[in-house]
C-alpha atoms as a PDB file:
ATOM      1  CA  MET A   1      -5.569  30.871   1.447  1.00  0.00           C
ATOM      2  CA  ALA A   2      -5.600  27.210   2.416  1.00  0.00           C
ATOM      3  CA  THR A   3      -3.639  24.059   3.122  1.00  0.00           C
ATOM      4  CA  ALA A   4      -3.159  21.960  -0.001  1.00  0.00           C
ATOM      5  CA  LEU A   5      -3.246  18.166   0.084  1.00  0.00           C
ATOM      6  CA  TYR A   6      -1.431  16.305  -2.693  1.00  0.00           C
ATOM      7  CA  THR A   7      -2.446  12.709  -3.375  1.00  0.00           C
ATOM      8  CA  ASP A   8      -1.900  10.425  -6.348  1.00  0.00           C
ATOM      9  CA  GLU A   9      -2.937   6.922  -7.374  1.00  0.00           C
ATOM     10  CA  SER A  10       0.703   6.042  -8.021  1.00  0.00           C
ATOM     11  CA  PHE A  11       1.507   6.409  -4.302  1.00  0.00           C
ATOM     12  CA  GLY A  12      -0.625   3.333  -3.746  1.00  0.00           C
ATOM     13  CA  LEU A  13       0.858   1.461  -6.699  1.00  0.00           C
ATOM     14  CA  HIS A  14       4.488   1.477  -5.532  1.00  0.00           C
ATOM     15  CA  ARG A  15       5.042  -2.209  -4.829  1.00  0.00           C
ATOM     16  CA  VAL A  16       7.155  -3.942  -2.186  1.00  0.00           C
ATOM     17  CA  PRO A  17       7.582  -7.619  -1.231  1.00  0.00           C
ATOM     18  CA  PRO A  18       4.890  -9.364   0.867  1.00  0.00           C
ATOM     19  CA  GLY A  19       5.299  -8.549   4.549  1.00  0.00           C
ATOM     20  CA  HIS A  20       7.250  -5.333   3.917  1.00  0.00           C
ATOM     21  CA  VAL A  21       6.213  -2.605   6.386  1.00  0.00           C
ATOM     22  CA  GLU A  22       6.281   0.201   3.806  1.00  0.00           C
ATOM     23  CA  HIS A  23       3.288  -1.157   1.899  1.00  0.00           C
ATOM     24  CA  PRO A  24       0.429   0.448  -0.083  1.00  0.00           C
ATOM     25  CA  GLY A  25      -1.907   0.192   2.896  1.00  0.00           C
ATOM     26  CA  ARG A  26      -0.044   3.130   4.429  1.00  0.00           C
ATOM     27  CA  TYR A  27      -1.202   5.430   1.657  1.00  0.00           C
ATOM     28  CA  ALA A  28      -4.737   4.049   1.785  1.00  0.00           C
ATOM     29  CA  ALA A  29      -4.939   4.685   5.540  1.00  0.00           C
ATOM     30  CA  VAL A  30      -3.771   8.286   5.184  1.00  0.00           C
ATOM     31  CA  GLU A  31      -6.034   9.025   2.233  1.00  0.00           C
ATOM     32  CA  ARG A  32      -9.039   7.486   4.001  1.00  0.00           C
ATOM     33  CA  HIS A  33      -8.469   9.502   7.185  1.00  0.00           C
ATOM     34  CA  LEU A  34      -7.967  12.782   5.330  1.00  0.00           C
ATOM     35  CA  SER A  35     -11.257  12.158   3.498  1.00  0.00           C
ATOM     36  CA  LEU A  36     -13.204  12.621   6.742  1.00  0.00           C
ATOM     37  CA  ASP A  37     -15.420  15.680   7.109  1.00  0.00           C
ATOM     38  CA  ASP A  38     -12.920  17.180   9.566  1.00  0.00           C
ATOM     39  CA  PHE A  39     -10.612  17.811   6.596  1.00  0.00           C
ATOM     40  CA  SER A  40     -13.163  19.225   4.155  1.00  0.00           C
ATOM     41  CA  ASP A  41     -11.296  22.558   4.080  1.00  0.00           C
ATOM     42  CA  LEU A  42      -8.232  21.013   2.452  1.00  0.00           C
ATOM     43  CA  ASP A  43      -7.428  22.232  -1.060  1.00  0.00           C
ATOM     44  CA  ARG A  44      -7.116  18.837  -2.760  1.00  0.00           C
ATOM     45  CA  ARG A  45      -4.701  18.708  -5.647  1.00  0.00           C
ATOM     46  CA  ALA A  46      -3.510  16.041  -8.050  1.00  0.00           C
ATOM     47  CA  CYS A  47       0.175  15.451  -8.674  1.00  0.00           C
ATOM     48  CA  VAL A  48       2.109  15.932 -11.871  1.00  0.00           C
ATOM     49  CA  SER A  49       5.415  14.263 -12.596  1.00  0.00           C
ATOM     50  CA  GLY A  50       8.455  16.049 -11.271  1.00  0.00           C
ATOM     51  CA  ARG A  51      11.172  17.250 -13.608  1.00  0.00           C
ATOM     52  CA  TRP A  52      14.517  15.500 -13.678  1.00  0.00           C
ATOM     53  CA  ALA A  53      16.144  18.938 -13.786  1.00  0.00           C
ATOM     54  CA  ASP A  54      14.724  19.568 -10.315  1.00  0.00           C
ATOM     55  CA  VAL A  55      15.747  16.136  -9.010  1.00  0.00           C
ATOM     56  CA  LEU A  56      19.294  16.893 -10.174  1.00  0.00           C
ATOM     57  CA  LEU A  57      19.465  19.743  -7.679  1.00  0.00           C
ATOM     58  CA  ALA A  58      20.024  17.030  -5.055  1.00  0.00           C
ATOM     59  CA  HIS A  59      21.077  13.936  -7.029  1.00  0.00           C
ATOM     60  CA  PRO A  60      23.696  13.450  -9.773  1.00  0.00           C
ATOM     61  CA  ASP A  61      22.705  12.490 -13.302  1.00  0.00           C
ATOM     62  CA  ALA A  62      24.391   9.099 -12.975  1.00  0.00           C
ATOM     63  CA  TYR A  63      21.972   8.288 -10.166  1.00  0.00           C
ATOM     64  CA  ARG A  64      19.030   9.288 -12.368  1.00  0.00           C
ATOM     65  CA  ALA A  65      20.273   6.833 -14.983  1.00  0.00           C
ATOM     66  CA  ARG A  66      20.617   4.091 -12.371  1.00  0.00           C
ATOM     67  CA  LEU A  67      17.032   4.569 -11.186  1.00  0.00           C
ATOM     68  CA  GLU A  68      15.713   4.490 -14.739  1.00  0.00           C
ATOM     69  CA  ARG A  69      17.644   1.276 -15.439  1.00  0.00           C
ATOM     70  CA  SER A  70      16.277  -0.298 -12.261  1.00  0.00           C
ATOM     71  CA  VAL A  71      12.591  -0.040 -13.170  1.00  0.00           C
ATOM     72  CA  PRO A  72      11.377  -3.620 -13.797  1.00  0.00           C
ATOM     73  CA  ALA A  73       8.909  -4.434 -16.534  1.00  0.00           C
ATOM     74  CA  ASP A  74       7.241  -6.739 -14.009  1.00  0.00           C
ATOM     75  CA  GLY A  75       7.942  -7.915 -10.499  1.00  0.00           C
ATOM     76  CA  LEU A  76      10.480  -6.135  -8.334  1.00  0.00           C
ATOM     77  CA  SER A  77      14.074  -4.954  -8.511  1.00  0.00           C
ATOM     78  CA  GLN A  78      16.108  -4.586  -5.324  1.00  0.00           C
ATOM     79  CA  LEU A  79      18.341  -1.560  -4.673  1.00  0.00           C
ATOM     80  CA  ASP A  80      19.468  -2.401  -1.152  1.00  0.00           C
ATOM     81  CA  ALA A  81      18.493  -4.747   1.670  1.00  0.00           C
ATOM     82  CA  ASP A  82      15.035  -3.198   2.136  1.00  0.00           C
ATOM     83  CA  THR A  83      14.560  -0.844  -0.836  1.00  0.00           C
ATOM     84  CA  PHE A  84      12.669  -2.097  -3.871  1.00  0.00           C
ATOM     85  CA  MET A  85      11.253  -0.803  -7.142  1.00  0.00           C
ATOM     86  CA  GLY A  86       8.230  -2.084  -9.015  1.00  0.00           C
ATOM     87  CA  PRO A  87       6.900  -0.937 -12.403  1.00  0.00           C
ATOM     88  CA  ALA A  88       5.149   2.117 -10.850  1.00  0.00           C
ATOM     89  CA  SER A  89       7.810   3.076  -8.286  1.00  0.00           C
ATOM     90  CA  LEU A  90       9.695   5.648 -10.332  1.00  0.00           C
ATOM     91  CA  THR A  91       6.403   7.234 -11.386  1.00  0.00           C
ATOM     92  CA  ALA A  92       5.379   7.467  -7.717  1.00  0.00           C
ATOM     93  CA  THR A  93       8.589   9.045  -6.465  1.00  0.00           C
ATOM     94  CA  LEU A  94       8.681  11.520  -9.378  1.00  0.00           C
ATOM     95  CA  ARG A  95       5.090  12.526  -8.680  1.00  0.00           C
ATOM     96  CA  ALA A  96       6.060  13.140  -5.068  1.00  0.00           C
ATOM     97  CA  VAL A  97       8.772  15.455  -6.405  1.00  0.00           C
ATOM     98  CA  GLY A  98       6.254  17.109  -8.719  1.00  0.00           C
ATOM     99  CA  ALA A  99       3.816  17.625  -5.858  1.00  0.00           C
ATOM    100  CA  ALA A 100       6.483  19.130  -3.627  1.00  0.00           C
ATOM    101  CA  THR A 101       7.774  21.540  -6.268  1.00  0.00           C
ATOM    102  CA  ASP A 102       4.246  22.492  -7.333  1.00  0.00           C
ATOM    103  CA  ALA A 103       3.456  23.231  -3.690  1.00  0.00           C
ATOM    104  CA  VAL A 104       6.538  25.458  -3.478  1.00  0.00           C
ATOM    105  CA  ASP A 105       5.401  27.312  -6.610  1.00  0.00           C
ATOM    106  CA  ARG A 106       1.867  27.846  -5.318  1.00  0.00           C
ATOM    107  CA  ILE A 107       2.999  28.920  -1.865  1.00  0.00           C
ATOM    108  CA  MET A 108       5.448  31.413  -3.360  1.00  0.00           C
ATOM    109  CA  ALA A 109       2.666  32.707  -5.631  1.00  0.00           C
ATOM    110  CA  GLY A 110       0.396  33.226  -2.615  1.00  0.00           C
ATOM    111  CA  GLU A 111      -2.206  30.705  -3.803  1.00  0.00           C
ATOM    112  CA  ILE A 112      -1.952  28.443  -0.735  1.00  0.00           C
ATOM    113  CA  THR A 113      -0.582  28.830   2.780  1.00  0.00           C
ATOM    114  CA  ASN A 114       1.153  25.484   3.163  1.00  0.00           C
ATOM    115  CA  ALA A 115       0.873  21.914   1.879  1.00  0.00           C
ATOM    116  CA  PHE A 116       1.030  18.245   2.812  1.00  0.00           C
ATOM    117  CA  VAL A 117       2.210  15.632   0.297  1.00  0.00           C
ATOM    118  CA  ALA A 118       0.956  12.120   1.172  1.00  0.00           C
ATOM    119  CA  ALA A 119       3.919  10.520  -0.592  1.00  0.00           C
ATOM    120  CA  ARG A 120       5.026   6.941  -1.067  1.00  0.00           C
ATOM    121  CA  PRO A 121       7.820   5.892  -1.163  1.00  0.00           C
ATOM    122  CA  PRO A 122       9.417   8.052   1.562  1.00  0.00           C
ATOM    123  CA  GLY A 123      12.584   9.977   0.793  1.00  0.00           C
ATOM    124  CA  HIS A 124      14.736  11.173   3.690  1.00  0.00           C
ATOM    125  CA  HIS A 125      17.190   8.247   3.694  1.00  0.00           C
ATOM    126  CA  ALA A 126      18.042   8.689   0.000  1.00  0.00           C
ATOM    127  CA  GLU A 127      21.555  10.100  -0.279  1.00  0.00           C
ATOM    128  CA  ALA A 128      22.779  11.935  -3.353  1.00  0.00           C
ATOM    129  CA  ALA A 129      23.792   8.761  -5.180  1.00  0.00           C
ATOM    130  CA  ARG A 130      22.330   5.980  -3.045  1.00  0.00           C
ATOM    131  CA  ALA A 131      18.861   4.559  -2.452  1.00  0.00           C
ATOM    132  CA  MET A 132      18.333   3.152   1.019  1.00  0.00           C
ATOM    133  CA  GLY A 133      15.826   2.715   3.822  1.00  0.00           C
ATOM    134  CA  PHE A 134      12.793   2.392   1.499  1.00  0.00           C
ATOM    135  CA  CYS A 135      13.749   5.710  -0.189  1.00  0.00           C
ATOM    136  CA  LEU A 136      14.555   6.431  -3.849  1.00  0.00           C
ATOM    137  CA  ILE A 137      14.616  10.237  -4.259  1.00  0.00           C
ATOM    138  CA  ASN A 138      15.024  12.716  -1.419  1.00  0.00           C
ATOM    139  CA  HIS A 139      11.840  14.727  -1.951  1.00  0.00           C
ATOM    140  CA  ALA A 140      12.427  17.064   0.986  1.00  0.00           C
ATOM    141  CA  ALA A 141      15.935  18.043  -0.103  1.00  0.00           C
ATOM    142  CA  VAL A 142      14.745  18.569  -3.688  1.00  0.00           C
ATOM    143  CA  ALA A 143      11.876  20.803  -2.538  1.00  0.00           C
ATOM    144  CA  ALA A 144      14.150  22.968  -0.392  1.00  0.00           C
ATOM    145  CA  LEU A 145      16.810  23.315  -3.087  1.00  0.00           C
ATOM    146  CA  TYR A 146      14.068  24.080  -5.630  1.00  0.00           C
ATOM    147  CA  ALA A 147      12.841  26.943  -3.445  1.00  0.00           C
ATOM    148  CA  GLN A 148      16.375  28.327  -3.597  1.00  0.00           C
ATOM    149  CA  ALA A 149      16.994  27.761  -7.307  1.00  0.00           C
ATOM    150  CA  ARG A 150      13.594  28.698  -8.698  1.00  0.00           C
ATOM    151  CA  HIS A 151      12.324  31.304  -6.256  1.00  0.00           C
ATOM    152  CA  GLY A 152      15.444  32.887  -4.789  1.00  0.00           C
ATOM    153  CA  CYS A 153      14.857  31.750  -1.218  1.00  0.00           C
ATOM    154  CA  GLU A 154      18.293  32.311   0.246  1.00  0.00           C
ATOM    155  CA  ARG A 155      18.008  30.273   3.445  1.00  0.00           C
ATOM    156  CA  VAL A 156      16.063  26.998   3.366  1.00  0.00           C
ATOM    157  CA  ALA A 157      15.493  24.433   6.084  1.00  0.00           C
ATOM    158  CA  VAL A 158      14.426  20.804   6.315  1.00  0.00           C
ATOM    159  CA  VAL A 159      13.198  19.676   9.734  1.00  0.00           C
ATOM    160  CA  ASP A 160      12.660  15.983  10.422  1.00  0.00           C
ATOM    161  CA  PHE A 161      10.807  14.328  13.315  1.00  0.00           C
ATOM    162  CA  ASP A 162      10.788  10.771  11.919  1.00  0.00           C
ATOM    163  CA  VAL A 163      11.963   8.163  14.435  1.00  0.00           C
ATOM    164  CA  HIS A 164      14.883   7.436  12.081  1.00  0.00           C
ATOM    165  CA  HIS A 165      17.570   9.995  11.325  1.00  0.00           C
ATOM    166  CA  GLY A 166      17.304  11.631   7.904  1.00  0.00           C
ATOM    167  CA  ASN A 167      20.833  10.718   6.897  1.00  0.00           C
ATOM    168  CA  GLY A 168      20.228  11.418   3.220  1.00  0.00           C
ATOM    169  CA  THR A 169      19.069  14.984   3.794  1.00  0.00           C
ATOM    170  CA  GLU A 170      21.917  15.630   6.193  1.00  0.00           C
ATOM    171  CA  ALA A 171      24.474  14.344   3.686  1.00  0.00           C
ATOM    172  CA  ILE A 172      23.024  16.380   0.813  1.00  0.00           C
ATOM    173  CA  PHE A 173      23.020  19.553   2.951  1.00  0.00           C
ATOM    174  CA  TRP A 174      26.348  18.961   4.724  1.00  0.00           C
ATOM    175  CA  HIS A 175      28.428  21.248   2.478  1.00  0.00           C
ATOM    176  CA  ARG A 176      25.696  23.805   1.635  1.00  0.00           C
ATOM    177  CA  GLU A 177      26.084  26.991   3.614  1.00  0.00           C
ATOM    178  CA  HIS A 178      22.500  28.243   3.345  1.00  0.00           C
ATOM    179  CA  CYS A 179      20.749  24.907   3.925  1.00  0.00           C
ATOM    180  CA  PHE A 180      19.707  23.984   7.465  1.00  0.00           C
ATOM    181  CA  PHE A 181      18.832  20.500   8.729  1.00  0.00           C
ATOM    182  CA  ALA A 182      17.381  19.601  12.123  1.00  0.00           C
ATOM    183  CA  SER A 183      16.354  16.118  13.247  1.00  0.00           C
ATOM    184  CA  SER A 184      15.027  14.419  16.345  1.00  0.00           C
ATOM    185  CA  HIS A 185      15.347  10.642  16.187  1.00  0.00           C
ATOM    186  CA  GLU A 186      15.680   7.552  18.332  1.00  0.00           C
ATOM    187  CA  TRP A 187      19.258   6.617  19.174  1.00  0.00           C
ATOM    188  CA  PRO A 188      20.534   4.031  18.555  1.00  0.00           C
ATOM    189  CA  GLN A 189      18.353   3.223  15.580  1.00  0.00           C
ATOM    190  CA  TYR A 190      18.684   2.696  11.839  1.00  0.00           C
ATOM    191  CA  PRO A 191      20.691   4.046  10.012  1.00  0.00           C
ATOM    192  CA  GLY A 192      23.148   4.730  12.852  1.00  0.00           C
ATOM    193  CA  THR A 193      23.795   8.383  11.976  1.00  0.00           C
ATOM    194  CA  GLY A 194      22.722  11.640  13.592  1.00  0.00           C
ATOM    195  CA  ARG A 195      25.046  12.269  16.505  1.00  0.00           C
ATOM    196  CA  GLU A 196      24.561  15.521  18.410  1.00  0.00           C
ATOM    197  CA  THR A 197      28.170  16.437  17.586  1.00  0.00           C
ATOM    198  CA  ASP A 198      27.546  16.197  13.811  1.00  0.00           C
ATOM    199  CA  ARG A 199      27.147  19.817  12.735  1.00  0.00           C
ATOM    200  CA  GLY A 200      27.898  20.068   8.997  1.00  0.00           C
ATOM    201  CA  ALA A 201      30.589  22.031   7.188  1.00  0.00           C
ATOM    202  CA  TYR A 202      28.878  25.345   8.005  1.00  0.00           C
ATOM    203  CA  ARG A 203      27.443  24.413  11.429  1.00  0.00           C
ATOM    204  CA  THR A 204      23.899  24.290  10.041  1.00  0.00           C
ATOM    205  CA  VAL A 205      23.129  20.691  11.080  1.00  0.00           C
ATOM    206  CA  PHE A 206      21.422  20.077  14.418  1.00  0.00           C
ATOM    207  CA  ASN A 207      20.637  16.609  15.730  1.00  0.00           C
ATOM    208  CA  ALA A 208      18.739  15.665  18.881  1.00  0.00           C
ATOM    209  CA  PRO A 209      19.196  11.921  19.518  1.00  0.00           C
ATOM    210  CA  LEU A 210      16.462  10.504  21.762  1.00  0.00           C
ATOM    211  CA  ALA A 211      16.798   7.434  23.973  1.00  0.00           C
ATOM    212  CA  THR A 212      14.506   4.482  23.432  1.00  0.00           C
ATOM    213  CA  GLY A 213      11.378   5.042  25.507  1.00  0.00           C
ATOM    214  CA  THR A 214      11.487   8.838  25.251  1.00  0.00           C
ATOM    215  CA  ASP A 215       8.019  10.270  25.825  1.00  0.00           C
ATOM    216  CA  GLY A 216       6.314  13.435  24.641  1.00  0.00           C
ATOM    217  CA  THR A 217       7.700  15.577  27.446  1.00  0.00           C
ATOM    218  CA  GLU A 218      11.300  14.843  26.486  1.00  0.00           C
ATOM    219  CA  PHE A 219      10.499  15.053  22.760  1.00  0.00           C
ATOM    220  CA  ARG A 220       9.047  18.527  23.242  1.00  0.00           C
ATOM    221  CA  ARG A 221      12.023  19.521  25.373  1.00  0.00           C
ATOM    222  CA  ALA A 222      14.438  18.452  22.622  1.00  0.00           C
ATOM    223  CA  TRP A 223      12.628  20.595  20.105  1.00  0.00           C
ATOM    224  CA  GLY A 224      11.941  23.478  22.472  1.00  0.00           C
ATOM    225  CA  ASP A 225      15.431  23.688  23.959  1.00  0.00           C
ATOM    226  CA  ARG A 226      17.642  22.754  20.978  1.00  0.00           C
ATOM    227  CA  LEU A 227      16.109  22.380  17.546  1.00  0.00           C
ATOM    228  CA  LEU A 228      13.552  25.196  17.407  1.00  0.00           C
ATOM    229  CA  PRO A 229      15.993  27.793  18.825  1.00  0.00           C
ATOM    230  CA  ALA A 230      18.574  26.712  16.240  1.00  0.00           C
ATOM    231  CA  LEU A 231      15.994  27.047  13.456  1.00  0.00           C
ATOM    232  CA  ASN A 232      14.929  30.422  14.807  1.00  0.00           C
ATOM    233  CA  GLY A 233      18.545  31.574  14.728  1.00  0.00           C
ATOM    234  CA  PHE A 234      18.923  30.420  11.129  1.00  0.00           C
ATOM    235  CA  LYS A 235      15.918  32.555  10.067  1.00  0.00           C
ATOM    236  CA  PRO A 236      14.738  30.373   7.157  1.00  0.00           C
ATOM    237  CA  ASP A 237      12.961  31.783   4.127  1.00  0.00           C
ATOM    238  CA  PHE A 238      11.251  28.436   3.490  1.00  0.00           C
ATOM    239  CA  ILE A 239      10.683  25.318   5.623  1.00  0.00           C
ATOM    240  CA  VAL A 240      10.214  21.735   4.448  1.00  0.00           C
ATOM    241  CA  ILE A 241       9.066  19.124   6.956  1.00  0.00           C
ATOM    242  CA  SER A 242      10.095  15.475   6.683  1.00  0.00           C
ATOM    243  CA  ALA A 243       6.985  14.281   8.488  1.00  0.00           C
ATOM    244  CA  GLY A 244       7.569  10.800   9.867  1.00  0.00           C
ATOM    245  CA  PHE A 245       5.125   9.365  12.405  1.00  0.00           C
ATOM    246  CA  ASP A 246       6.960   6.189  13.402  1.00  0.00           C
ATOM    247  CA  GLY A 247       7.821   7.770  16.754  1.00  0.00           C
ATOM    248  CA  HIS A 248       4.262   6.938  17.817  1.00  0.00           C
ATOM    249  CA  ARG A 249       4.141   4.502  20.731  1.00  0.00           C
ATOM    250  CA  ALA A 250       2.209   1.967  18.611  1.00  0.00           C
ATOM    251  CA  ASP A 251       4.696   1.861  15.741  1.00  0.00           C
ATOM    252  CA  PRO A 252       6.387  -1.513  15.103  1.00  0.00           C
ATOM    253  CA  LEU A 253       9.702   0.006  13.945  1.00  0.00           C
ATOM    254  CA  GLY A 254      10.143   2.710  16.574  1.00  0.00           C
ATOM    255  CA  GLY A 255      10.859   2.685  20.282  1.00  0.00           C
ATOM    256  CA  LEU A 256       9.662   6.158  21.259  1.00  0.00           C
ATOM    257  CA  ASP A 257       6.545   6.822  23.336  1.00  0.00           C
ATOM    258  CA  LEU A 258       4.923   9.655  21.373  1.00  0.00           C
ATOM    259  CA  VAL A 259       1.234  10.187  20.670  1.00  0.00           C
ATOM    260  CA  GLU A 260      -0.578  12.224  18.032  1.00  0.00           C
ATOM    261  CA  ALA A 261      -0.727  15.290  20.319  1.00  0.00           C
ATOM    262  CA  ASP A 262       3.063  15.481  20.201  1.00  0.00           C
ATOM    263  CA  PHE A 263       3.022  15.701  16.406  1.00  0.00           C
ATOM    264  CA  ARG A 264       0.343  18.401  16.597  1.00  0.00           C
ATOM    265  CA  TRP A 265       2.507  20.338  19.071  1.00  0.00           C
ATOM    266  CA  VAL A 266       5.693  20.264  17.004  1.00  0.00           C
ATOM    267  CA  THR A 267       3.788  21.153  13.827  1.00  0.00           C
ATOM    268  CA  LYS A 268       2.172  24.153  15.539  1.00  0.00           C
ATOM    269  CA  ALA A 269       5.569  25.288  16.800  1.00  0.00           C
ATOM    270  CA  LEU A 270       7.004  25.023  13.292  1.00  0.00           C
ATOM    271  CA  THR A 271       4.119  26.974  11.736  1.00  0.00           C
ATOM    272  CA  GLU A 272       4.607  29.729  14.300  1.00  0.00           C
ATOM    273  CA  LEU A 273       8.300  29.924  13.491  1.00  0.00           C
ATOM    274  CA  ALA A 274       7.494  29.917   9.776  1.00  0.00           C
ATOM    275  CA  ASP A 275       5.138  32.842  10.362  1.00  0.00           C
ATOM    276  CA  THR A 276       7.976  34.751  12.017  1.00  0.00           C
ATOM    277  CA  HIS A 277      10.665  34.204   9.397  1.00  0.00           C
ATOM    278  CA  ALA A 278       9.210  32.638   6.239  1.00  0.00           C
ATOM    279  CA  GLY A 279       5.816  34.177   5.664  1.00  0.00           C
ATOM    280  CA  GLY A 280       4.248  30.905   6.848  1.00  0.00           C
ATOM    281  CA  ARG A 281       5.811  28.994   3.950  1.00  0.00           C
ATOM    282  CA  ILE A 282       5.875  25.238   4.705  1.00  0.00           C
ATOM    283  CA  VAL A 283       5.736  22.106   2.565  1.00  0.00           C
ATOM    284  CA  SER A 284       5.358  18.876   4.546  1.00  0.00           C
ATOM    285  CA  ILE A 285       6.120  15.485   2.988  1.00  0.00           C
ATOM    286  CA  LEU A 286       5.192  12.111   4.462  1.00  0.00           C
ATOM    287  CA  GLU A 287       8.074   9.912   5.566  1.00  0.00           C
ATOM    288  CA  GLY A 288       7.639   6.975   7.995  1.00  0.00           C
ATOM    289  CA  GLY A 289       4.810   5.573  10.103  1.00  0.00           C
ATOM    290  CA  TYR A 290       3.981   1.862   9.971  1.00  0.00           C
ATOM    291  CA  ASP A 291       1.080   1.182  12.341  1.00  0.00           C
ATOM    292  CA  LEU A 292      -1.867   2.096  10.130  1.00  0.00           C
ATOM    293  CA  ASP A 293      -4.180   3.429  12.841  1.00  0.00           C
ATOM    294  CA  ALA A 294      -1.419   5.414  14.549  1.00  0.00           C
ATOM    295  CA  LEU A 295      -0.237   6.747  11.196  1.00  0.00           C
ATOM    296  CA  ALA A 296      -3.721   7.908  10.224  1.00  0.00           C
ATOM    297  CA  VAL A 297      -4.491   9.791  13.440  1.00  0.00           C
ATOM    298  CA  SER A 298      -0.969  11.247  13.634  1.00  0.00           C
ATOM    299  CA  VAL A 299      -1.164  12.562  10.075  1.00  0.00           C
ATOM    300  CA  GLY A 300      -4.573  13.945  10.982  1.00  0.00           C
ATOM    301  CA  ALA A 301      -3.147  15.852  13.973  1.00  0.00           C
ATOM    302  CA  HIS A 302      -0.301  17.178  11.809  1.00  0.00           C
ATOM    303  CA  VAL A 303      -2.618  18.344   9.037  1.00  0.00           C
ATOM    304  CA  GLU A 304      -5.001  19.926  11.554  1.00  0.00           C
ATOM    305  CA  ALA A 305      -2.104  22.066  12.769  1.00  0.00           C
ATOM    306  CA  LEU A 306      -1.251  23.040   9.185  1.00  0.00           C
ATOM    307  CA  LEU A 307      -4.898  23.982   8.563  1.00  0.00           C
ATOM    308  CA  ALA A 308      -4.914  26.136  11.693  1.00  0.00           C
ATOM    309  CA  ALA A 309      -1.819  28.098  10.655  1.00  0.00           C
END
């Protein structure tokens, strides 16, 4: 078996205003880096459009209708202060959903070991009925809930190491007994959520706020002492990673002091835990990361760890 890589032209066609940090160059940088010979063993797969029925596992139908109404014929529509849609944006986010659910299907069928979806736009800030923080649909939450609904995975987990707290995933999972969410994130930072005391209705939410300037040693301690033991205790049947790389020391939006080796370390730890409880089943979906060079090498370290699993 192999690690699948999902890419799609639409990820580069999602448009944002000039000067916006979440721009198409992010996708180009990731795709270019993962085209190097070091990644020749990747099982490269095209994306198909996700089904609205799967999106509705995490989002209400009224929100679907709002997104469809917001697609502009030309130019941009604005959903919140920094979240925009162009003519190809809904296509892009639905293909990210389609890639994630296809990866779940193929992993459950034993065709691949794990997968990385090089998605744009990101998704972890999208709440059930609200677009925010560059995000339209919460791909990670949809993928986890799809593993439950379609494949009978009883206990699913989303783990998030983006520099920003995955408030949307946390909110969607808050009242779901068999859904686990763990996040490390800079505090204080946008969107202002993710306190350590926030635990969810069934005590399945675990947050590790990190002070500005936190380096790899403290990042690894947060995961090793708090988040990974909590995930181990939950014993997930399937793991989805919200893979954000804006904690890198070079990132313009983050204030952490991480390097690509830290992302390799946490990915390896997650694959080992997945081997123990989930038959190695992991789908990883790109979230943040806004310095192009740092993003490329950090994604590379992450994917190398997936390939080694």
